PDB file of N, CA and C in Angstrom:
ATOM      1  N   UNK A   1     216.182  44.221  18.351  1.00  0.00           N
ATOM      2  CA  UNK A   1     215.756  43.871  19.781  1.00  0.00           C
ATOM      3  C   UNK A   1     216.629  42.775  20.234  1.00  0.00           C
ATOM      4  N   UNK A   2     217.186  42.971  21.482  1.00  0.00           N
ATOM      5  CA  UNK A   2     217.916  41.828  22.197  1.00  0.00           C
ATOM      6  C   UNK A   2     216.999  41.134  23.146  1.00  0.00           C
ATOM      7  N   UNK A   3     217.492  40.086  23.664  1.00  0.00           N
ATOM      8  CA  UNK A   3     216.832  39.367  24.748  1.00  0.00           C
ATOM      9  C   UNK A   3     216.507  40.191  25.977  1.00  0.00           C
ATOM     10  N   UNK A   4     217.481  41.069  26.265  1.00  0.00           N
ATOM     11  CA  UNK A   4     217.376  42.016  27.408  1.00  0.00           C
ATOM     12  C   UNK A   4     216.214  43.117  27.264  1.00  0.00           C
ATOM     13  N   UNK A   5     215.912  43.305  25.940  1.00  0.00           N
ATOM     14  CA  UNK A   5     214.874  44.262  25.674  1.00  0.00           C
ATOM     15  C   UNK A   5     213.353  43.700  25.686  1.00  0.00           C
ATOM     16  N   UNK A   6     213.392  42.389  25.607  1.00  0.00           N
ATOM     17  CA  UNK A   6     212.185  41.681  25.524  1.00  0.00           C
ATOM     18  C   UNK A   6     211.266  41.866  26.695  1.00  0.00           C
ATOM     19  N   UNK A   7     210.057  41.885  26.458  1.00  0.00           N
ATOM     20  CA  UNK A   7     209.015  41.994  27.602  1.00  0.00           C
ATOM     21  C   UNK A   7     207.890  41.021  27.251  1.00  0.00           C
ATOM     22  N   UNK A   8     207.224  40.634  28.338  1.00  0.00           N
ATOM     23  CA  UNK A   8     206.057  39.735  28.247  1.00  0.00           C
ATOM     24  C   UNK A   8     204.929  40.294  28.886  1.00  0.00           C
ATOM     25  N   UNK A   9     203.732  40.348  28.261  1.00  0.00           N
ATOM     26  CA  UNK A   9     202.490  40.879  28.768  1.00  0.00           C
ATOM     27  C   UNK A   9     201.458  39.745  28.606  1.00  0.00           C
ATOM     28  N   UNK A  10     200.931  39.390  29.779  1.00  0.00           N
ATOM     29  CA  UNK A  10     199.849  38.304  29.744  1.00  0.00           C
ATOM     30  C   UNK A  10     198.515  39.051  29.796  1.00  0.00           C
ATOM     31  N   UNK A  11     197.624  38.717  28.927  1.00  0.00           N
ATOM     32  CA  UNK A  11     196.318  39.310  28.867  1.00  0.00           C
ATOM     33  C   UNK A  11     195.373  38.184  29.054  1.00  0.00           C
ATOM     34  N   UNK A  12     194.557  38.174  30.145  1.00  0.00           N
ATOM     35  CA  UNK A  12     193.510  37.069  30.306  1.00  0.00           C
ATOM     36  C   UNK A  12     192.156  37.696  30.178  1.00  0.00           C
ATOM     37  N   UNK A  13     191.354  37.221  29.256  1.00  0.00           N
ATOM     38  CA  UNK A  13     189.992  37.633  29.137  1.00  0.00           C
ATOM     39  C   UNK A  13     189.045  37.271  30.217  1.00  0.00           C
ATOM     40  N   UNK A  14     189.463  36.434  31.088  1.00  0.00           N
ATOM     41  CA  UNK A  14     188.539  35.982  32.087  1.00  0.00           C
ATOM     42  C   UNK A  14     188.592  36.822  33.389  1.00  0.00           C
ATOM     43  N   UNK A  15     187.359  36.935  33.997  1.00  0.00           N
ATOM     44  CA  UNK A  15     187.302  37.622  35.321  1.00  0.00           C
ATOM     45  C   UNK A  15     187.837  36.717  36.377  1.00  0.00           C
ATOM     46  N   UNK A  16     188.426  37.189  37.286  1.00  0.00           N
ATOM     47  CA  UNK A  16     188.939  36.409  38.479  1.00  0.00           C
ATOM     48  C   UNK A  16     187.821  35.811  39.264  1.00  0.00           C
ATOM     49  N   UNK A  17     188.125  34.744  40.063  1.00  0.00           N
ATOM     50  CA  UNK A  17     186.968  34.027  40.724  1.00  0.00           C
ATOM     51  C   UNK A  17     186.313  34.901  41.780  1.00  0.00           C
ATOM     52  N   UNK A  18     186.997  35.968  42.283  1.00  0.00           N
ATOM     53  CA  UNK A  18     186.502  36.760  43.302  1.00  0.00           C
ATOM     54  C   UNK A  18     185.606  37.935  42.750  1.00  0.00           C
ATOM     55  N   UNK A  19     185.468  37.994  41.522  1.00  0.00           N
ATOM     56  CA  UNK A  19     184.605  39.091  40.884  1.00  0.00           C
ATOM     57  C   UNK A  19     183.190  39.021  41.305  1.00  0.00           C
ATOM     58  N   UNK A  20     182.737  37.845  41.559  1.00  0.00           N
ATOM     59  CA  UNK A  20     181.267  37.632  42.055  1.00  0.00           C
ATOM     60  C   UNK A  20     180.994  38.435  43.294  1.00  0.00           C
ATOM     61  N   UNK A  21     181.903  38.280  44.299  1.00  0.00           N
ATOM     62  CA  UNK A  21     181.730  38.975  45.549  1.00  0.00           C
ATOM     63  C   UNK A  21     182.018  40.452  45.399  1.00  0.00           C
ATOM     64  N   UNK A  22     182.861  40.889  44.495  1.00  0.00           N
ATOM     65  CA  UNK A  22     183.017  42.278  44.235  1.00  0.00           C
ATOM     66  C   UNK A  22     181.776  42.948  43.652  1.00  0.00           C
ATOM     67  N   UNK A  23     181.214  42.331  42.694  1.00  0.00           N
ATOM     68  CA  UNK A  23     179.843  42.696  42.036  1.00  0.00           C
ATOM     69  C   UNK A  23     178.749  42.709  43.150  1.00  0.00           C
ATOM     70  N   UNK A  24     178.716  41.683  43.990  1.00  0.00           N
ATOM     71  CA  UNK A  24     177.646  41.637  45.021  1.00  0.00           C
ATOM     72  C   UNK A  24     177.815  42.773  46.035  1.00  0.00           C
ATOM     73  N   UNK A  25     179.108  43.118  46.267  1.00  0.00           N
ATOM     74  CA  UNK A  25     179.355  44.290  47.203  1.00  0.00           C
ATOM     75  C   UNK A  25     179.150  45.578  46.666  1.00  0.00           C
ATOM     76  N   UNK A  26     178.724  45.625  45.357  1.00  0.00           N
ATOM     77  CA  UNK A  26     178.271  46.853  44.676  1.00  0.00           C
ATOM     78  C   UNK A  26     179.527  47.787  44.372  1.00  0.00           C
ATOM     79  N   UNK A  27     180.736  47.131  44.170  1.00  0.00           N
ATOM     80  CA  UNK A  27     181.834  47.926  43.684  1.00  0.00           C
ATOM     81  C   UNK A  27     181.695  48.269  42.307  1.00  0.00           C
ATOM     82  N   UNK A  28     181.721  49.460  41.873  1.00  0.00           N
ATOM     83  CA  UNK A  28     181.635  49.911  40.451  1.00  0.00           C
ATOM     84  C   UNK A  28     182.874  49.676  39.691  1.00  0.00           C
ATOM     85  N   UNK A  29     183.266  48.508  39.308  1.00  0.00           N
ATOM     86  CA  UNK A  29     184.563  48.273  38.550  1.00  0.00           C
ATOM     87  C   UNK A  29     184.678  48.973  37.346  1.00  0.00           C
ATOM     88  N   UNK A  30     183.729  49.038  36.572  1.00  0.00           N
ATOM     89  CA  UNK A  30     183.886  49.792  35.226  1.00  0.00           C
ATOM     90  C   UNK A  30     184.051  51.297  35.435  1.00  0.00           C
ATOM     91  N   UNK A  31     183.252  51.842  36.277  1.00  0.00           N
ATOM     92  CA  UNK A  31     183.424  53.365  36.651  1.00  0.00           C
ATOM     93  C   UNK A  31     184.807  53.494  37.222  1.00  0.00           C
ATOM     94  N   UNK A  32     185.232  52.764  38.175  1.00  0.00           N
ATOM     95  CA  UNK A  32     186.475  53.001  38.760  1.00  0.00           C
ATOM     96  C   UNK A  32     187.655  52.795  37.777  1.00  0.00           C
ATOM     97  N   UNK A  33     187.553  51.907  36.961  1.00  0.00           N
ATOM     98  CA  UNK A  33     188.632  51.705  35.946  1.00  0.00           C
ATOM     99  C   UNK A  33     188.643  52.932  34.983  1.00  0.00           C
ATOM    100  N   UNK A  34     187.513  53.379  34.554  1.00  0.00           N
ATOM    101  CA  UNK A  34     187.501  54.430  33.710  1.00  0.00           C
ATOM    102  C   UNK A  34     188.009  55.788  34.289  1.00  0.00           C
ATOM    103  N   UNK A  35     187.630  55.888  35.601  1.00  0.00           N
ATOM    104  CA  UNK A  35     188.220  57.113  36.353  1.00  0.00           C
ATOM    105  C   UNK A  35     189.639  57.045  36.502  1.00  0.00           C
ATOM    106  N   UNK A  36     190.186  55.830  36.772  1.00  0.00           N
ATOM    107  CA  UNK A  36     191.612  55.597  36.834  1.00  0.00           C
ATOM    108  C   UNK A  36     192.326  55.976  35.628  1.00  0.00           C
ATOM    109  N   UNK A  37     191.696  55.468  34.443  1.00  0.00           N
ATOM    110  CA  UNK A  37     192.268  55.662  33.071  1.00  0.00           C
ATOM    111  C   UNK A  37     192.261  57.169  32.700  1.00  0.00           C
ATOM    112  N   UNK A  38     191.265  57.853  33.240  1.00  0.00           N
ATOM    113  CA  UNK A  38     191.270  59.310  32.949  1.00  0.00           C
ATOM    114  C   UNK A  38     192.118  60.153  33.886  1.00  0.00           C
ATOM    115  N   UNK A  39     192.866  59.426  34.874  1.00  0.00           N
ATOM    116  CA  UNK A  39     193.790  60.120  35.647  1.00  0.00           C
ATOM    117  C   UNK A  39     193.181  60.589  37.025  1.00  0.00           C
ATOM    118  N   UNK A  40     191.962  60.161  37.374  1.00  0.00           N
ATOM    119  CA  UNK A  40     191.425  60.597  38.670  1.00  0.00           C
ATOM    120  C   UNK A  40     192.222  60.067  39.789  1.00  0.00           C
ATOM    121  N   UNK A  41     192.386  60.783  40.905  1.00  0.00           N
ATOM    122  CA  UNK A  41     193.097  60.386  42.018  1.00  0.00           C
ATOM    123  C   UNK A  41     192.163  59.500  42.841  1.00  0.00           C
ATOM    124  N   UNK A  42     192.412  58.221  42.964  1.00  0.00           N
ATOM    125  CA  UNK A  42     191.518  57.339  43.724  1.00  0.00           C
ATOM    126  C   UNK A  42     192.140  56.857  45.093  1.00  0.00           C
ATOM    127  N   UNK A  43     193.216  57.539  45.379  1.00  0.00           N
ATOM    128  CA  UNK A  43     193.933  57.149  46.565  1.00  0.00           C
ATOM    129  C   UNK A  43     193.016  56.937  47.790  1.00  0.00           C
ATOM    130  N   UNK A  44     192.145  57.922  48.146  1.00  0.00           N
ATOM    131  CA  UNK A  44     191.298  57.939  49.362  1.00  0.00           C
ATOM    132  C   UNK A  44     189.868  57.649  48.971  1.00  0.00           C
ATOM    133  N   UNK A  45     189.601  57.395  47.669  1.00  0.00           N
ATOM    134  CA  UNK A  45     188.111  57.200  47.314  1.00  0.00           C
ATOM    135  C   UNK A  45     187.974  55.708  47.254  1.00  0.00           C
ATOM    136  N   UNK A  46     187.276  55.114  48.220  1.00  0.00           N
ATOM    137  CA  UNK A  46     186.946  53.657  48.187  1.00  0.00           C
ATOM    138  C   UNK A  46     185.634  53.429  47.597  1.00  0.00           C
ATOM    139  N   UNK A  47     184.861  54.518  47.248  1.00  0.00           N
ATOM    140  CA  UNK A  47     183.511  54.340  46.744  1.00  0.00           C
ATOM    141  C   UNK A  47     182.485  53.758  47.713  1.00  0.00           C
ATOM    142  N   UNK A  48     181.391  53.622  47.270  1.00  0.00           N
ATOM    143  CA  UNK A  48     180.273  53.030  48.171  1.00  0.00           C
ATOM    144  C   UNK A  48     180.285  51.572  47.957  1.00  0.00           C
ATOM    145  N   UNK A  49     180.308  50.719  48.970  1.00  0.00           N
ATOM    146  CA  UNK A  49     180.207  49.330  48.891  1.00  0.00           C
ATOM    147  C   UNK A  49     179.831  48.719  50.142  1.00  0.00           C
ATOM    148  N   UNK A  50     179.404  47.424  50.073  1.00  0.00           N
ATOM    149  CA  UNK A  50     178.872  46.647  51.162  1.00  0.00           C
ATOM    150  C   UNK A  50     180.096  45.572  51.625  1.00  0.00           C
ATOM    151  N   UNK A  51     180.329  45.514  52.772  1.00  0.00           N
ATOM    152  CA  UNK A  51     181.396  44.644  53.291  1.00  0.00           C
ATOM    153  C   UNK A  51     180.704  43.160  53.205  1.00  0.00           C
ATOM    154  N   UNK A  52     181.370  42.339  52.441  1.00  0.00           N
ATOM    155  CA  UNK A  52     180.761  40.889  52.272  1.00  0.00           C
ATOM    156  C   UNK A  52     181.953  39.838  52.383  1.00  0.00           C
ATOM    157  N   UNK A  53     181.581  38.686  52.551  1.00  0.00           N
ATOM    158  CA  UNK A  53     182.620  37.584  52.531  1.00  0.00           C
ATOM    159  C   UNK A  53     181.970  36.608  51.550  1.00  0.00           C
ATOM    160  N   UNK A  54     182.893  35.841  50.961  1.00  0.00           N
ATOM    161  CA  UNK A  54     182.332  34.762  50.005  1.00  0.00           C
ATOM    162  C   UNK A  54     182.835  33.429  50.735  1.00  0.00           C
ATOM    163  N   UNK A  55     181.905  32.449  50.726  1.00  0.00           N
ATOM    164  CA  UNK A  55     182.328  31.120  51.290  1.00  0.00           C
ATOM    165  C   UNK A  55     181.901  30.096  50.217  1.00  0.00           C
ATOM    166  N   UNK A  56     182.939  29.181  49.881  1.00  0.00           N
ATOM    167  CA  UNK A  56     182.660  28.129  48.902  1.00  0.00           C
ATOM    168  C   UNK A  56     183.039  26.761  49.563  1.00  0.00           C
ATOM    169  N   UNK A  57     182.178  25.903  49.387  1.00  0.00           N
ATOM    170  CA  UNK A  57     182.444  24.575  49.929  1.00  0.00           C
ATOM    171  C   UNK A  57     182.073  23.516  49.079  1.00  0.00           C
ATOM    172  N   UNK A  58     182.590  22.304  49.065  1.00  0.00           N
ATOM    173  CA  UNK A  58     182.182  21.184  48.255  1.00  0.00           C
ATOM    174  C   UNK A  58     181.875  20.022  49.071  1.00  0.00           C
ATOM    175  N   UNK A  59     180.739  19.452  48.889  1.00  0.00           N
ATOM    176  CA  UNK A  59     180.426  18.260  49.536  1.00  0.00           C
ATOM    177  C   UNK A  59     180.102  17.086  48.542  1.00  0.00           C
ATOM    178  N   UNK A  60     180.770  16.034  48.613  1.00  0.00           N
ATOM    179  CA  UNK A  60     180.550  14.928  47.700  1.00  0.00           C
ATOM    180  C   UNK A  60     179.932  13.730  48.432  1.00  0.00           C
ATOM    181  N   UNK A  61     178.920  13.326  47.954  1.00  0.00           N
ATOM    182  CA  UNK A  61     178.322  12.161  48.551  1.00  0.00           C
ATOM    183  C   UNK A  61     178.049  11.081  47.430  1.00  0.00           C
ATOM    184  N   UNK A  62     177.929   9.772  47.905  1.00  0.00           N
ATOM    185  CA  UNK A  62     177.605   8.751  46.923  1.00  0.00           C
ATOM    186  C   UNK A  62     176.259   8.156  47.290  1.00  0.00           C
ATOM    187  N   UNK A  63     175.410   8.080  46.232  1.00  0.00           N
ATOM    188  CA  UNK A  63     173.972   7.545  46.516  1.00  0.00           C
ATOM    189  C   UNK A  63     173.742   6.594  45.443  1.00  0.00           C
ATOM    190  N   UNK A  64     172.770   5.593  45.671  1.00  0.00           N
ATOM    191  CA  UNK A  64     172.417   4.636  44.629  1.00  0.00           C
ATOM    192  C   UNK A  64     171.682   5.579  43.561  1.00  0.00           C
ATOM    193  N   UNK A  65     171.748   5.055  42.317  1.00  0.00           N
ATOM    194  CA  UNK A  65     171.169   5.875  41.097  1.00  0.00           C
ATOM    195  C   UNK A  65     169.668   5.994  41.398  1.00  0.00           C
ATOM    196  N   UNK A  66     169.048   5.131  41.953  1.00  0.00           N
ATOM    197  CA  UNK A  66     167.585   5.208  42.205  1.00  0.00           C
ATOM    198  C   UNK A  66     167.262   6.289  43.129  1.00  0.00           C
ATOM    199  N   UNK A  67     168.152   6.689  43.928  1.00  0.00           N
ATOM    200  CA  UNK A  67     167.818   7.738  44.910  1.00  0.00           C
ATOM    201  C   UNK A  67     168.443   9.135  44.466  1.00  0.00           C
ATOM    202  N   UNK A  68     169.057   9.233  43.337  1.00  0.00           N
ATOM    203  CA  UNK A  68     169.672  10.536  42.825  1.00  0.00           C
ATOM    204  C   UNK A  68     168.661  11.598  42.815  1.00  0.00           C
ATOM    205  N   UNK A  69     167.543  11.457  42.103  1.00  0.00           N
ATOM    206  CA  UNK A  69     166.575  12.483  42.015  1.00  0.00           C
ATOM    207  C   UNK A  69     166.055  13.001  43.282  1.00  0.00           C
ATOM    208  N   UNK A  70     165.841  12.046  44.253  1.00  0.00           N
ATOM    209  CA  UNK A  70     165.382  12.542  45.583  1.00  0.00           C
ATOM    210  C   UNK A  70     166.447  13.390  46.398  1.00  0.00           C
ATOM    211  N   UNK A  71     167.669  12.931  46.303  1.00  0.00           N
ATOM    212  CA  UNK A  71     168.814  13.713  46.923  1.00  0.00           C
ATOM    213  C   UNK A  71     168.991  14.957  46.272  1.00  0.00           C
ATOM    214  N   UNK A  72     169.143  14.905  44.969  1.00  0.00           N
ATOM    215  CA  UNK A  72     169.420  16.206  44.172  1.00  0.00           C
ATOM    216  C   UNK A  72     168.290  17.215  44.511  1.00  0.00           C
ATOM    217  N   UNK A  73     167.056  16.862  44.401  1.00  0.00           N
ATOM    218  CA  UNK A  73     165.955  17.878  44.651  1.00  0.00           C
ATOM    219  C   UNK A  73     165.901  18.262  45.984  1.00  0.00           C
ATOM    220  N   UNK A  74     166.178  17.450  46.895  1.00  0.00           N
ATOM    221  CA  UNK A  74     166.270  17.828  48.383  1.00  0.00           C
ATOM    222  C   UNK A  74     167.350  18.847  48.612  1.00  0.00           C
ATOM    223  N   UNK A  75     168.495  18.653  47.954  1.00  0.00           N
ATOM    224  CA  UNK A  75     169.524  19.643  48.048  1.00  0.00           C
ATOM    225  C   UNK A  75     169.209  20.998  47.563  1.00  0.00           C
ATOM    226  N   UNK A  76     168.654  21.030  46.458  1.00  0.00           N
ATOM    227  CA  UNK A  76     168.170  22.248  45.725  1.00  0.00           C
ATOM    228  C   UNK A  76     167.172  22.989  46.595  1.00  0.00           C
ATOM    229  N   UNK A  77     166.204  22.170  47.142  1.00  0.00           N
ATOM    230  CA  UNK A  77     165.108  22.849  47.939  1.00  0.00           C
ATOM    231  C   UNK A  77     165.786  23.441  49.206  1.00  0.00           C
ATOM    232  N   UNK A  78     166.737  22.803  49.868  1.00  0.00           N
ATOM    233  CA  UNK A  78     167.424  23.276  51.026  1.00  0.00           C
ATOM    234  C   UNK A  78     168.134  24.575  50.820  1.00  0.00           C
ATOM    235  N   UNK A  79     168.705  24.728  49.593  1.00  0.00           N
ATOM    236  CA  UNK A  79     169.508  25.888  49.177  1.00  0.00           C
ATOM    237  C   UNK A  79     168.579  27.037  48.901  1.00  0.00           C
ATOM    238  N   UNK A  80     167.455  26.660  48.307  1.00  0.00           N
ATOM    239  CA  UNK A  80     166.517  27.743  47.931  1.00  0.00           C
ATOM    240  C   UNK A  80     165.498  28.172  48.940  1.00  0.00           C
ATOM    241  N   UNK A  81     165.504  27.296  50.052  1.00  0.00           N
ATOM    242  CA  UNK A  81     164.502  27.773  51.140  1.00  0.00           C
ATOM    243  C   UNK A  81     164.850  28.971  51.802  1.00  0.00           C
ATOM    244  N   UNK A  82     164.072  29.986  52.131  1.00  0.00           N
ATOM    245  CA  UNK A  82     164.425  31.182  52.794  1.00  0.00           C
ATOM    246  C   UNK A  82     164.670  30.761  54.257  1.00  0.00           C
ATOM    247  N   UNK A  83     165.549  31.485  54.841  1.00  0.00           N
ATOM    248  CA  UNK A  83     165.846  31.338  56.221  1.00  0.00           C
ATOM    249  C   UNK A  83     165.127  32.301  57.210  1.00  0.00           C
TER     250      UNK A  83
END
């Protein structure tokens, strides 16, 4: 084998960050991967799915240690509260 014949294949066991929205949209990743591996023509088959968007944000605040529990619990309650 010469350097010109060498090939590199990267295998990553991690799911990409966007897989959460893919799963939430009900895209059947395993079924589509299997169908593709078995030679199915998926050109025009987009499958059943829901159109979704994912939004991530980070907010960093500084609070006195004595107030940490109050702020932490208030943030969790606000996220969990139904709209």
